Amino acid sequence: MGKIFTLIAAVAMATSMNAQTITFGDVAVLNADLQTEWINGDVKLVIVKDAKPSIDLNSAYFGTAEATTQYTSRLKMGGKSSSTRSLALTVPSDGIVKVAARSSNKDAIDRTVVLNQDGQDLVSQLVYDAQAISVDSKTVYPYVTANVKAGTIAVNFPIDGINFYAFEFTATTTTTGIKNVSTSTNSQEVYNLAGQRVSNTYKGVIIQDGKKFVQK
């Protein structure tokens, strides 16, 4: 059974390693010197048109009670977005986008982050400091999360300024090193990824003799 759970952990690790995250470095940058795009692998974030942001050093935690991530700088968008002022995030495939964002005014409760793709709002979420939870004496803020398709997502903030700490993209499908094999198996015990014993005719991902296969 130890081998089974080790393999399950390996699948989970492969999924997390697939995440591509854009952050904003460890140096404060004024608007006049600020770059207009950031790239990590196949993921790109672009400042659209007349935005006048800056970067400063500001530490914040984002996540849940089970898992948190600390970011140490933020992209400060000083005013609300418009038809000519927003951010554009481009991703290479279908997947999940997580945005680490806080209101630029800690007392405001009406600031919103909107992710729009192909003319349709994927998520419109209020972002305010009272949403934070305490985890091991740390203040942890929630992500804005949306399922996305391959292409470009418009990132809007229609009420007023938002500070962005990170943009994380995870592809829906992952490569886990599982081999494709024929439907034939021998008489050895076969398990699914939950560690449950299944029949030799079970279709899907199986574990047999400590190895993973896809049985069709």
N, C-alpha and C. Protein backbone atom coordinates (compact mmCIF):
# COMPACT_ATOMS: atom_id res chain seq x y z
N MET A 1 0.82 -1.21 0.00
CA MET A 1 0.00 0.00 0.00
C MET A 1 0.85 1.26 0.00
N GLY A 2 2.06 1.16 0.59
CA GLY A 2 2.94 2.32 0.63
C GLY A 2 3.29 2.80 -0.76
N LYS A 3 3.53 1.84 -1.68
CA LYS A 3 3.84 2.20 -3.06
C LYS A 3 2.68 2.92 -3.71
N ILE A 4 1.46 2.48 -3.40
CA ILE A 4 0.28 3.06 -4.01
C ILE A 4 0.17 4.53 -3.66
N PHE A 5 0.29 4.85 -2.37
CA PHE A 5 0.13 6.24 -1.96
C PHE A 5 1.29 7.10 -2.41
N THR A 6 2.49 6.52 -2.55
CA THR A 6 3.61 7.26 -3.10
C THR A 6 3.32 7.68 -4.55
N LEU A 7 2.71 6.75 -5.31
CA LEU A 7 2.39 7.05 -6.70
C LEU A 7 1.30 8.10 -6.80
N ILE A 8 0.30 8.04 -5.91
CA ILE A 8 -0.75 9.06 -5.90
C ILE A 8 -0.15 10.43 -5.62
N ALA A 9 0.79 10.49 -4.66
CA ALA A 9 1.45 11.76 -4.35
C ALA A 9 2.22 12.28 -5.55
N ALA A 10 2.82 11.35 -6.32
CA ALA A 10 3.58 11.77 -7.50
C ALA A 10 2.68 12.40 -8.54
N VAL A 11 1.46 11.85 -8.69
CA VAL A 11 0.50 12.44 -9.62
C VAL A 11 0.13 13.84 -9.18
N ALA A 12 -0.14 14.02 -7.89
CA ALA A 12 -0.49 15.35 -7.37
C ALA A 12 0.65 16.33 -7.57
N MET A 13 1.89 15.87 -7.38
CA MET A 13 3.05 16.75 -7.56
C MET A 13 3.17 17.17 -9.02
N ALA A 14 2.92 16.24 -9.92
CA ALA A 14 3.00 16.58 -11.34
C ALA A 14 2.00 17.66 -11.69
N THR A 15 0.81 17.60 -11.09
CA THR A 15 -0.20 18.61 -11.34
C THR A 15 0.26 19.97 -10.85
N SER A 16 0.81 20.05 -9.61
CA SER A 16 1.24 21.33 -9.06
C SER A 16 2.42 21.90 -9.82
N MET A 17 3.30 21.01 -10.32
CA MET A 17 4.46 21.49 -11.08
C MET A 17 4.03 22.11 -12.40
N ASN A 18 2.83 21.78 -12.87
CA ASN A 18 2.35 22.31 -14.13
C ASN A 18 1.93 23.77 -14.02
N ALA A 19 1.77 24.27 -12.80
CA ALA A 19 1.34 25.65 -12.59
C ALA A 19 2.43 26.62 -13.05
N GLN A 20 2.02 27.69 -13.73
CA GLN A 20 2.92 28.76 -14.14
C GLN A 20 2.43 30.05 -13.48
N THR A 21 3.33 30.71 -12.76
CA THR A 21 2.94 31.87 -11.96
C THR A 21 3.71 33.10 -12.39
N ILE A 22 2.99 34.20 -12.59
CA ILE A 22 3.61 35.48 -12.87
C ILE A 22 3.56 36.32 -11.60
N THR A 23 4.73 36.74 -11.13
CA THR A 23 4.85 37.65 -10.00
C THR A 23 5.65 38.87 -10.45
N PHE A 24 5.93 39.78 -9.51
CA PHE A 24 6.43 41.10 -9.92
C PHE A 24 7.79 41.47 -9.32
N GLY A 25 8.60 40.46 -9.04
CA GLY A 25 9.98 40.69 -8.68
C GLY A 25 10.20 41.17 -7.27
N ASP A 26 11.40 41.61 -6.98
CA ASP A 26 11.76 42.02 -5.63
C ASP A 26 12.34 43.43 -5.58
N VAL A 27 11.99 44.23 -6.59
CA VAL A 27 12.47 45.62 -6.67
C VAL A 27 11.29 46.53 -6.97
N ALA A 28 11.19 47.64 -6.24
CA ALA A 28 10.13 48.62 -6.51
C ALA A 28 10.42 49.32 -7.84
N VAL A 29 9.37 49.54 -8.65
CA VAL A 29 9.54 50.16 -9.96
C VAL A 29 8.46 51.22 -10.15
N LEU A 30 8.89 52.47 -10.46
CA LEU A 30 7.93 53.54 -10.72
C LEU A 30 7.37 53.41 -12.12
N ASN A 31 6.26 54.08 -12.36
CA ASN A 31 5.57 53.96 -13.64
C ASN A 31 6.45 54.27 -14.84
N ALA A 32 7.26 55.27 -14.72
CA ALA A 32 8.09 55.69 -15.86
C ALA A 32 9.05 54.59 -16.30
N ASP A 33 9.43 53.71 -15.37
CA ASP A 33 10.40 52.66 -15.69
C ASP A 33 9.77 51.28 -15.79
N LEU A 34 8.45 51.20 -15.69
CA LEU A 34 7.80 49.91 -15.59
C LEU A 34 7.67 49.25 -16.96
N GLN A 35 7.98 47.96 -17.01
CA GLN A 35 7.77 47.19 -18.24
C GLN A 35 6.27 47.03 -18.48
N THR A 36 5.90 46.63 -19.68
CA THR A 36 4.47 46.52 -20.02
C THR A 36 4.00 45.08 -20.10
N GLU A 37 4.90 44.11 -19.98
CA GLU A 37 4.45 42.72 -19.99
C GLU A 37 5.40 41.83 -19.20
N TRP A 38 4.83 40.72 -18.72
CA TRP A 38 5.56 39.71 -17.96
C TRP A 38 5.24 38.36 -18.56
N ILE A 39 6.26 37.50 -18.67
CA ILE A 39 6.08 36.18 -19.29
C ILE A 39 6.69 35.11 -18.40
N ASN A 40 5.96 34.02 -18.22
CA ASN A 40 6.47 32.83 -17.55
C ASN A 40 6.05 31.63 -18.38
N GLY A 41 7.00 31.03 -19.08
CA GLY A 41 6.67 29.92 -19.96
C GLY A 41 5.73 30.37 -21.06
N ASP A 42 4.56 29.73 -21.13
CA ASP A 42 3.58 30.06 -22.15
C ASP A 42 2.52 31.04 -21.67
N VAL A 43 2.69 31.56 -20.47
CA VAL A 43 1.71 32.49 -19.90
C VAL A 43 2.25 33.92 -19.98
N LYS A 44 1.41 34.84 -20.43
CA LYS A 44 1.85 36.24 -20.59
C LYS A 44 0.80 37.19 -20.01
N LEU A 45 1.29 38.19 -19.26
CA LEU A 45 0.44 39.25 -18.73
C LEU A 45 0.87 40.57 -19.36
N VAL A 46 -0.10 41.33 -19.87
CA VAL A 46 0.19 42.58 -20.57
C VAL A 46 -0.65 43.69 -19.99
N ILE A 47 -0.04 44.87 -19.81
CA ILE A 47 -0.78 46.08 -19.44
C ILE A 47 -1.37 46.67 -20.71
N VAL A 48 -2.68 46.84 -20.73
CA VAL A 48 -3.37 47.31 -21.93
C VAL A 48 -3.47 48.84 -21.92
N LYS A 49 -2.90 49.45 -22.93
CA LYS A 49 -3.03 50.88 -23.24
C LYS A 49 -2.64 51.80 -22.10
N ASP A 50 -3.57 52.67 -21.62
CA ASP A 50 -3.15 53.84 -20.85
C ASP A 50 -3.07 53.62 -19.34
N ALA A 51 -2.94 52.39 -18.91
CA ALA A 51 -2.76 52.17 -17.48
C ALA A 51 -1.45 52.80 -17.00
N LYS A 52 -1.44 53.28 -15.76
CA LYS A 52 -0.24 53.91 -15.21
C LYS A 52 0.08 53.31 -13.84
N PRO A 53 0.46 52.05 -13.85
CA PRO A 53 0.72 51.38 -12.58
C PRO A 53 2.15 51.54 -12.09
N SER A 54 2.44 50.92 -10.96
CA SER A 54 3.79 50.85 -10.43
C SER A 54 3.90 49.57 -9.63
N ILE A 55 5.11 49.23 -9.24
CA ILE A 55 5.36 48.06 -8.40
C ILE A 55 5.98 48.52 -7.10
N ASP A 56 5.48 47.99 -5.99
CA ASP A 56 6.16 48.23 -4.72
C ASP A 56 6.30 46.91 -3.96
N LEU A 57 7.13 46.94 -2.93
CA LEU A 57 7.36 45.74 -2.11
C LEU A 57 6.30 45.71 -1.02
N ASN A 58 5.53 44.65 -1.01
CA ASN A 58 4.45 44.52 -0.04
C ASN A 58 4.14 43.03 0.12
N SER A 59 4.29 42.52 1.32
CA SER A 59 4.14 41.09 1.56
C SER A 59 2.70 40.75 1.91
N ALA A 60 2.18 39.68 1.30
CA ALA A 60 0.83 39.21 1.63
C ALA A 60 0.74 37.71 1.35
N TYR A 61 -0.09 37.03 2.13
CA TYR A 61 -0.35 35.61 1.95
C TYR A 61 -1.70 35.40 1.27
N PHE A 62 -1.74 34.43 0.35
CA PHE A 62 -2.99 34.07 -0.32
C PHE A 62 -3.15 32.56 -0.26
N GLY A 63 -4.42 32.13 -0.23
CA GLY A 63 -4.68 30.69 -0.24
C GLY A 63 -5.85 30.32 0.64
N THR A 64 -5.72 29.15 1.26
CA THR A 64 -6.76 28.60 2.12
C THR A 64 -6.14 28.16 3.44
N ALA A 65 -6.96 27.63 4.32
CA ALA A 65 -6.45 27.13 5.59
C ALA A 65 -5.49 25.96 5.37
N GLU A 66 -5.64 25.25 4.25
CA GLU A 66 -4.80 24.08 3.98
C GLU A 66 -3.50 24.43 3.27
N ALA A 67 -3.48 25.49 2.48
CA ALA A 67 -2.29 25.81 1.69
C ALA A 67 -2.22 27.31 1.45
N THR A 68 -1.09 27.91 1.80
CA THR A 68 -0.90 29.34 1.61
C THR A 68 0.39 29.61 0.84
N THR A 69 0.41 30.74 0.13
CA THR A 69 1.60 31.19 -0.58
C THR A 69 1.84 32.65 -0.25
N GLN A 70 3.09 33.00 0.02
CA GLN A 70 3.44 34.38 0.30
C GLN A 70 4.02 35.04 -0.94
N TYR A 71 3.54 36.24 -1.24
CA TYR A 71 4.09 37.06 -2.32
C TYR A 71 4.67 38.33 -1.70
N THR A 72 5.73 38.84 -2.28
CA THR A 72 6.48 39.93 -1.64
C THR A 72 6.45 41.24 -2.41
N SER A 73 5.74 41.28 -3.53
CA SER A 73 5.59 42.54 -4.26
C SER A 73 4.24 42.55 -4.95
N ARG A 74 3.83 43.73 -5.42
CA ARG A 74 2.51 43.84 -6.03
C ARG A 74 2.53 44.86 -7.17
N LEU A 75 1.68 44.63 -8.14
CA LEU A 75 1.45 45.57 -9.23
C LEU A 75 0.27 46.44 -8.84
N LYS A 76 0.51 47.72 -8.65
CA LYS A 76 -0.51 48.65 -8.17
C LYS A 76 -1.19 49.33 -9.35
N MET A 77 -2.47 49.03 -9.54
CA MET A 77 -3.25 49.68 -10.59
C MET A 77 -4.05 50.79 -9.92
N GLY A 78 -3.66 52.03 -10.16
CA GLY A 78 -4.13 53.15 -9.37
C GLY A 78 -5.57 53.55 -9.56
N GLY A 79 -6.20 53.21 -10.67
CA GLY A 79 -7.58 53.61 -10.91
C GLY A 79 -8.35 52.49 -11.56
N LYS A 80 -9.63 52.71 -11.81
CA LYS A 80 -10.46 51.64 -12.34
C LYS A 80 -10.13 51.35 -13.81
N SER A 81 -10.48 50.15 -14.23
CA SER A 81 -10.28 49.79 -15.62
C SER A 81 -11.38 50.39 -16.48
N SER A 82 -11.17 50.35 -17.79
CA SER A 82 -12.15 50.87 -18.75
C SER A 82 -11.96 50.12 -20.05
N SER A 83 -12.63 50.55 -21.10
CA SER A 83 -12.48 49.90 -22.39
C SER A 83 -11.06 50.04 -22.93
N THR A 84 -10.32 51.01 -22.43
CA THR A 84 -8.94 51.21 -22.89
C THR A 84 -7.92 51.03 -21.78
N ARG A 85 -8.34 50.46 -20.67
CA ARG A 85 -7.42 50.31 -19.54
C ARG A 85 -7.75 49.03 -18.77
N SER A 86 -6.87 48.06 -18.88
CA SER A 86 -7.07 46.80 -18.19
C SER A 86 -5.78 46.00 -18.28
N LEU A 87 -5.85 44.75 -17.84
CA LEU A 87 -4.76 43.81 -18.02
C LEU A 87 -5.24 42.68 -18.93
N ALA A 88 -4.33 42.07 -19.66
CA ALA A 88 -4.67 40.94 -20.52
C ALA A 88 -3.76 39.78 -20.17
N LEU A 89 -4.36 38.65 -19.82
CA LEU A 89 -3.61 37.44 -19.46
C LEU A 89 -3.83 36.40 -20.55
N THR A 90 -2.74 35.92 -21.16
CA THR A 90 -2.84 34.93 -22.22
C THR A 90 -2.32 33.59 -21.72
N VAL A 91 -3.12 32.52 -21.94
CA VAL A 91 -2.76 31.18 -21.47
C VAL A 91 -2.77 30.21 -22.66
N PRO A 92 -1.98 29.13 -22.60
CA PRO A 92 -1.80 28.27 -23.77
C PRO A 92 -2.85 27.18 -23.94
N SER A 93 -3.66 26.91 -22.91
CA SER A 93 -4.60 25.80 -22.98
C SER A 93 -5.73 26.02 -21.98
N ASP A 94 -6.70 25.13 -21.99
CA ASP A 94 -7.75 25.18 -20.99
C ASP A 94 -7.13 24.93 -19.61
N GLY A 95 -7.71 25.57 -18.59
CA GLY A 95 -7.16 25.37 -17.26
C GLY A 95 -7.83 26.25 -16.22
N ILE A 96 -7.11 26.49 -15.15
CA ILE A 96 -7.61 27.28 -14.03
C ILE A 96 -6.67 28.45 -13.79
N VAL A 97 -7.25 29.65 -13.69
CA VAL A 97 -6.48 30.84 -13.35
C VAL A 97 -6.81 31.26 -11.93
N LYS A 98 -5.77 31.54 -11.16
CA LYS A 98 -5.94 32.08 -9.81
C LYS A 98 -5.24 33.44 -9.75
N VAL A 99 -5.97 34.45 -9.29
CA VAL A 99 -5.45 35.81 -9.21
C VAL A 99 -5.35 36.20 -7.74
N ALA A 100 -4.14 36.59 -7.32
CA ALA A 100 -3.93 37.10 -5.96
C ALA A 100 -4.09 38.61 -6.02
N ALA A 101 -5.20 39.11 -5.46
CA ALA A 101 -5.52 40.54 -5.59
C ALA A 101 -6.11 41.07 -4.30
N ARG A 102 -5.81 42.34 -4.02
CA ARG A 102 -6.40 43.05 -2.89
C ARG A 102 -6.83 44.44 -3.34
N SER A 103 -7.80 45.00 -2.63
CA SER A 103 -8.22 46.37 -2.89
C SER A 103 -7.08 47.33 -2.59
N SER A 104 -7.00 48.41 -3.35
CA SER A 104 -5.98 49.42 -3.07
C SER A 104 -6.37 50.29 -1.87
N ASN A 105 -7.59 50.11 -1.38
CA ASN A 105 -8.07 50.81 -0.18
C ASN A 105 -8.53 49.75 0.82
N LYS A 106 -7.80 49.60 1.92
CA LYS A 106 -8.09 48.52 2.87
C LYS A 106 -9.47 48.64 3.51
N ASP A 107 -10.07 49.82 3.45
CA ASP A 107 -11.39 50.02 4.05
C ASP A 107 -12.54 49.86 3.05
N ALA A 108 -12.22 49.80 1.76
CA ALA A 108 -13.27 49.69 0.75
C ALA A 108 -13.83 48.27 0.72
N ILE A 109 -15.14 48.15 0.49
CA ILE A 109 -15.78 46.84 0.44
C ILE A 109 -16.50 46.62 -0.89
N ASP A 110 -16.26 47.49 -1.87
CA ASP A 110 -16.97 47.39 -3.14
C ASP A 110 -16.06 47.12 -4.33
N ARG A 111 -14.77 46.89 -4.10
CA ARG A 111 -13.84 46.68 -5.21
C ARG A 111 -14.07 45.29 -5.81
N THR A 112 -14.00 45.20 -7.12
CA THR A 112 -14.32 43.95 -7.82
C THR A 112 -13.25 43.63 -8.85
N VAL A 113 -12.92 42.34 -8.94
CA VAL A 113 -12.06 41.84 -10.02
C VAL A 113 -12.93 41.01 -10.95
N VAL A 114 -12.88 41.34 -12.25
CA VAL A 114 -13.70 40.66 -13.25
C VAL A 114 -12.77 40.04 -14.29
N LEU A 115 -12.92 38.74 -14.53
CA LEU A 115 -12.20 38.06 -15.60
C LEU A 115 -13.19 37.78 -16.73
N ASN A 116 -12.85 38.24 -17.93
CA ASN A 116 -13.74 38.14 -19.08
C ASN A 116 -12.99 37.50 -20.25
N GLN A 117 -13.63 36.54 -20.88
CA GLN A 117 -13.02 35.89 -22.04
C GLN A 117 -14.06 35.72 -23.14
N ASP A 118 -13.72 36.12 -24.34
CA ASP A 118 -14.62 36.02 -25.49
C ASP A 118 -15.96 36.71 -25.22
N GLY A 119 -15.90 37.86 -24.54
CA GLY A 119 -17.09 38.64 -24.29
C GLY A 119 -17.98 38.13 -23.17
N GLN A 120 -17.52 37.13 -22.43
CA GLN A 120 -18.32 36.56 -21.34
C GLN A 120 -17.56 36.66 -20.03
N ASP A 121 -18.24 37.14 -18.99
CA ASP A 121 -17.61 37.21 -17.67
C ASP A 121 -17.46 35.80 -17.10
N LEU A 122 -16.23 35.44 -16.78
CA LEU A 122 -15.97 34.14 -16.15
C LEU A 122 -16.18 34.21 -14.65
N VAL A 123 -15.81 35.34 -14.07
CA VAL A 123 -16.00 35.54 -12.63
C VAL A 123 -16.02 37.04 -12.36
N SER A 124 -16.86 37.45 -11.43
CA SER A 124 -16.88 38.83 -10.96
C SER A 124 -16.91 38.74 -9.44
N GLN A 125 -15.80 39.05 -8.81
CA GLN A 125 -15.66 38.76 -7.38
C GLN A 125 -15.26 40.00 -6.60
N LEU A 126 -15.98 40.26 -5.52
CA LEU A 126 -15.60 41.32 -4.60
C LEU A 126 -14.27 40.97 -3.93
N VAL A 127 -13.43 41.99 -3.75
CA VAL A 127 -12.12 41.81 -3.13
C VAL A 127 -11.99 42.85 -2.02
N TYR A 128 -12.03 42.39 -0.76
CA TYR A 128 -11.86 43.32 0.35
C TYR A 128 -11.20 42.59 1.51
N ASP A 129 -10.55 43.38 2.37
CA ASP A 129 -9.67 42.81 3.38
C ASP A 129 -10.39 41.94 4.40
N ALA A 130 -11.67 42.20 4.65
CA ALA A 130 -12.40 41.43 5.66
C ALA A 130 -12.61 39.98 5.24
N GLN A 131 -12.33 39.65 3.99
CA GLN A 131 -12.45 38.27 3.53
C GLN A 131 -11.32 37.38 4.04
N ALA A 132 -10.27 37.99 4.55
CA ALA A 132 -9.09 37.23 4.97
C ALA A 132 -9.40 36.33 6.16
N ILE A 133 -8.65 35.22 6.25
CA ILE A 133 -8.72 34.33 7.39
C ILE A 133 -7.38 34.30 8.08
N SER A 134 -7.36 33.81 9.30
CA SER A 134 -6.11 33.69 10.05
C SER A 134 -5.64 32.24 10.01
N VAL A 135 -4.40 32.04 9.57
CA VAL A 135 -3.81 30.70 9.49
C VAL A 135 -2.45 30.75 10.15
N ASP A 136 -2.31 30.09 11.29
CA ASP A 136 -1.03 30.08 12.03
C ASP A 136 -0.53 31.51 12.26
N SER A 137 -1.43 32.36 12.71
CA SER A 137 -1.14 33.76 13.03
C SER A 137 -0.82 34.61 11.80
N LYS A 138 -1.07 34.06 10.59
CA LYS A 138 -0.87 34.82 9.36
C LYS A 138 -2.23 35.22 8.80
N THR A 139 -2.30 36.42 8.24
CA THR A 139 -3.50 36.86 7.55
C THR A 139 -3.44 36.37 6.12
N VAL A 140 -4.44 35.58 5.71
CA VAL A 140 -4.42 34.93 4.40
C VAL A 140 -5.65 35.36 3.61
N TYR A 141 -5.42 35.88 2.40
CA TYR A 141 -6.48 36.39 1.54
C TYR A 141 -6.87 35.34 0.50
N PRO A 142 -8.13 35.32 0.06
CA PRO A 142 -8.55 34.34 -0.95
C PRO A 142 -8.13 34.76 -2.35
N TYR A 143 -7.93 33.77 -3.22
CA TYR A 143 -7.70 34.04 -4.63
C TYR A 143 -9.02 34.31 -5.34
N VAL A 144 -8.93 35.01 -6.45
CA VAL A 144 -10.02 35.05 -7.43
C VAL A 144 -9.72 33.94 -8.42
N THR A 145 -10.65 33.00 -8.58
CA THR A 145 -10.39 31.78 -9.35
C THR A 145 -11.42 31.62 -10.46
N ALA A 146 -10.95 31.17 -11.65
CA ALA A 146 -11.87 30.94 -12.76
C ALA A 146 -11.35 29.85 -13.67
N ASN A 147 -12.26 29.07 -14.24
CA ASN A 147 -11.92 28.13 -15.31
C ASN A 147 -11.83 28.90 -16.62
N VAL A 148 -10.76 28.67 -17.37
CA VAL A 148 -10.53 29.44 -18.60
C VAL A 148 -10.25 28.49 -19.76
N LYS A 149 -10.37 29.05 -20.98
CA LYS A 149 -9.99 28.34 -22.19
C LYS A 149 -8.67 28.91 -22.71
N ALA A 150 -8.05 28.20 -23.62
CA ALA A 150 -6.84 28.72 -24.26
C ALA A 150 -7.16 30.05 -24.93
N GLY A 151 -6.27 31.03 -24.73
CA GLY A 151 -6.49 32.34 -25.33
C GLY A 151 -6.23 33.46 -24.34
N THR A 152 -6.88 34.60 -24.56
CA THR A 152 -6.62 35.79 -23.75
C THR A 152 -7.81 36.11 -22.86
N ILE A 153 -7.50 36.41 -21.60
CA ILE A 153 -8.51 36.78 -20.61
C ILE A 153 -8.30 38.24 -20.24
N ALA A 154 -9.36 39.05 -20.35
CA ALA A 154 -9.30 40.44 -19.92
C ALA A 154 -9.49 40.50 -18.41
N VAL A 155 -8.60 41.23 -17.73
CA VAL A 155 -8.67 41.39 -16.27
C VAL A 155 -9.11 42.82 -15.99
N ASN A 156 -10.32 42.99 -15.47
CA ASN A 156 -10.89 44.30 -15.23
C ASN A 156 -11.13 44.54 -13.75
N PHE A 157 -11.21 45.84 -13.40
CA PHE A 157 -11.47 46.26 -12.01
C PHE A 157 -12.32 47.53 -12.11
N PRO A 158 -13.64 47.35 -12.30
CA PRO A 158 -14.51 48.45 -12.73
C PRO A 158 -14.81 49.50 -11.67
N ILE A 159 -14.57 49.22 -10.39
CA ILE A 159 -14.93 50.19 -9.35
C ILE A 159 -13.80 51.18 -9.08
N ASP A 160 -12.61 50.64 -8.80
CA ASP A 160 -11.45 51.49 -8.53
C ASP A 160 -10.21 50.61 -8.45
N GLY A 161 -9.10 51.18 -7.98
CA GLY A 161 -7.81 50.52 -8.05
C GLY A 161 -7.74 49.19 -7.32
N ILE A 162 -6.99 48.25 -7.93
CA ILE A 162 -6.72 46.93 -7.36
C ILE A 162 -5.21 46.71 -7.39
N ASN A 163 -4.70 46.05 -6.34
CA ASN A 163 -3.29 45.66 -6.29
C ASN A 163 -3.20 44.17 -6.58
N PHE A 164 -2.38 43.81 -7.58
CA PHE A 164 -2.24 42.42 -7.99
C PHE A 164 -0.89 41.88 -7.54
N TYR A 165 -0.93 40.74 -6.83
CA TYR A 165 0.29 40.12 -6.32
C TYR A 165 0.80 38.99 -7.22
N ALA A 166 -0.11 38.28 -7.88
CA ALA A 166 0.31 37.15 -8.71
C ALA A 166 -0.84 36.68 -9.59
N PHE A 167 -0.47 36.06 -10.71
CA PHE A 167 -1.40 35.38 -11.60
C PHE A 167 -0.87 33.97 -11.80
N GLU A 168 -1.66 32.98 -11.44
CA GLU A 168 -1.23 31.58 -11.55
C GLU A 168 -2.14 30.84 -12.53
N PHE A 169 -1.53 30.11 -13.45
CA PHE A 169 -2.28 29.29 -14.41
C PHE A 169 -1.88 27.84 -14.26
N THR A 170 -2.88 26.96 -14.17
CA THR A 170 -2.66 25.52 -14.14
C THR A 170 -3.47 24.87 -15.25
N ALA A 171 -2.81 24.15 -16.14
CA ALA A 171 -3.51 23.47 -17.23
C ALA A 171 -4.43 22.40 -16.67
N THR A 172 -5.55 22.18 -17.35
CA THR A 172 -6.50 21.17 -16.91
C THR A 172 -5.92 19.78 -17.03
N THR A 173 -5.20 19.52 -18.12
CA THR A 173 -4.59 18.21 -18.31
C THR A 173 -3.12 18.28 -17.94
N THR A 174 -2.59 17.19 -17.41
CA THR A 174 -1.19 17.15 -16.98
C THR A 174 -0.52 15.90 -17.53
N THR A 175 0.79 15.98 -17.59
CA THR A 175 1.58 14.82 -17.98
C THR A 175 2.14 14.18 -16.72
N THR A 176 1.80 12.91 -16.49
CA THR A 176 2.19 12.26 -15.24
C THR A 176 3.12 11.08 -15.44
N GLY A 177 3.54 10.83 -16.68
CA GLY A 177 4.42 9.70 -16.91
C GLY A 177 3.69 8.38 -16.95
N ILE A 178 2.35 8.38 -17.05
CA ILE A 178 1.59 7.14 -17.12
C ILE A 178 1.72 6.57 -18.53
N LYS A 179 1.94 5.28 -18.62
CA LYS A 179 2.12 4.66 -19.91
C LYS A 179 0.80 4.13 -20.45
N ASN A 180 0.63 4.18 -21.78
CA ASN A 180 -0.51 3.55 -22.42
C ASN A 180 -0.16 2.10 -22.70
N VAL A 181 -1.04 1.17 -22.33
CA VAL A 181 -0.79 -0.26 -22.54
C VAL A 181 -2.05 -0.89 -23.11
N SER A 182 -1.92 -2.11 -23.57
CA SER A 182 -3.07 -2.83 -24.08
C SER A 182 -3.96 -3.26 -22.94
N THR A 183 -5.12 -3.83 -23.28
CA THR A 183 -6.09 -4.19 -22.26
C THR A 183 -5.71 -5.46 -21.51
N SER A 184 -4.74 -6.19 -21.96
CA SER A 184 -4.40 -7.44 -21.29
C SER A 184 -3.57 -7.17 -20.05
N THR A 185 -3.88 -7.91 -18.98
CA THR A 185 -3.10 -7.85 -17.74
C THR A 185 -2.93 -9.25 -17.22
N ASN A 186 -1.98 -9.44 -16.32
CA ASN A 186 -1.81 -10.76 -15.74
C ASN A 186 -2.63 -10.87 -14.47
N SER A 187 -2.42 -11.87 -13.68
CA SER A 187 -3.28 -12.15 -12.53
C SER A 187 -2.86 -11.38 -11.29
N GLN A 188 -1.86 -10.48 -11.38
CA GLN A 188 -1.45 -9.74 -10.20
C GLN A 188 -2.54 -8.77 -9.76
N GLU A 189 -2.54 -8.39 -8.48
CA GLU A 189 -3.56 -7.49 -7.94
C GLU A 189 -3.48 -6.12 -8.63
N VAL A 190 -4.65 -5.55 -8.88
CA VAL A 190 -4.76 -4.28 -9.58
C VAL A 190 -5.51 -3.30 -8.68
N TYR A 191 -5.02 -2.02 -8.63
CA TYR A 191 -5.63 -0.99 -7.79
C TYR A 191 -5.88 0.25 -8.64
N ASN A 192 -6.90 1.05 -8.22
CA ASN A 192 -7.08 2.36 -8.83
C ASN A 192 -6.27 3.39 -8.06
N LEU A 193 -6.34 4.68 -8.48
CA LEU A 193 -5.51 5.71 -7.84
C LEU A 193 -5.96 6.04 -6.41
N ALA A 194 -7.15 5.58 -6.03
CA ALA A 194 -7.61 5.78 -4.66
C ALA A 194 -7.11 4.68 -3.74
N GLY A 195 -6.33 3.71 -4.30
CA GLY A 195 -5.82 2.62 -3.48
C GLY A 195 -6.79 1.47 -3.31
N GLN A 196 -7.89 1.47 -4.08
CA GLN A 196 -8.89 0.42 -3.98
C GLN A 196 -8.58 -0.70 -4.98
N ARG A 197 -8.73 -1.93 -4.52
CA ARG A 197 -8.49 -3.05 -5.42
C ARG A 197 -9.62 -3.13 -6.43
N VAL A 198 -9.28 -3.31 -7.72
CA VAL A 198 -10.27 -3.41 -8.79
C VAL A 198 -9.99 -4.67 -9.61
N SER A 199 -10.93 -5.00 -10.49
CA SER A 199 -10.77 -6.19 -11.31
C SER A 199 -9.78 -5.96 -12.44
N ASN A 200 -9.34 -7.04 -13.04
CA ASN A 200 -8.38 -6.93 -14.14
C ASN A 200 -8.99 -6.30 -15.39
N THR A 201 -10.33 -6.18 -15.42
CA THR A 201 -10.99 -5.57 -16.58
C THR A 201 -11.30 -4.09 -16.34
N TYR A 202 -10.89 -3.53 -15.19
CA TYR A 202 -11.14 -2.12 -14.85
C TYR A 202 -10.49 -1.22 -15.91
N LYS A 203 -11.23 -0.21 -16.37
CA LYS A 203 -10.71 0.71 -17.40
C LYS A 203 -10.34 2.04 -16.76
N GLY A 204 -9.19 2.54 -17.12
CA GLY A 204 -8.71 3.81 -16.58
C GLY A 204 -7.29 3.66 -16.06
N VAL A 205 -6.90 4.58 -15.16
CA VAL A 205 -5.55 4.54 -14.59
C VAL A 205 -5.51 3.46 -13.51
N ILE A 206 -4.57 2.54 -13.63
CA ILE A 206 -4.44 1.46 -12.65
C ILE A 206 -3.01 1.42 -12.13
N ILE A 207 -2.86 0.77 -10.98
CA ILE A 207 -1.54 0.52 -10.39
C ILE A 207 -1.40 -0.98 -10.24
N GLN A 208 -0.35 -1.51 -10.84
CA GLN A 208 -0.12 -2.95 -10.81
C GLN A 208 1.37 -3.20 -10.63
N ASP A 209 1.69 -3.99 -9.63
CA ASP A 209 3.09 -4.30 -9.34
C ASP A 209 3.92 -3.03 -9.14
N GLY A 210 3.28 -2.02 -8.48
CA GLY A 210 3.99 -0.78 -8.17
C GLY A 210 4.17 0.17 -9.34
N LYS A 211 3.50 -0.12 -10.49
CA LYS A 211 3.64 0.74 -11.66
C LYS A 211 2.28 1.22 -12.12
N LYS A 212 2.26 2.40 -12.77
CA LYS A 212 1.01 3.00 -13.26
C LYS A 212 0.84 2.69 -14.74
N PHE A 213 -0.42 2.42 -15.10
CA PHE A 213 -0.77 2.17 -16.49
C PHE A 213 -2.12 2.81 -16.78
N VAL A 214 -2.38 3.05 -18.06
CA VAL A 214 -3.74 3.36 -18.51
C VAL A 214 -4.28 2.13 -19.21
N GLN A 215 -5.35 1.56 -18.68
CA GLN A 215 -5.94 0.35 -19.26
C GLN A 215 -7.20 0.75 -20.03
N LYS A 216 -7.21 0.46 -21.30
CA LYS A 216 -8.33 0.84 -22.16
C LYS A 216 -9.25 -0.34 -22.42
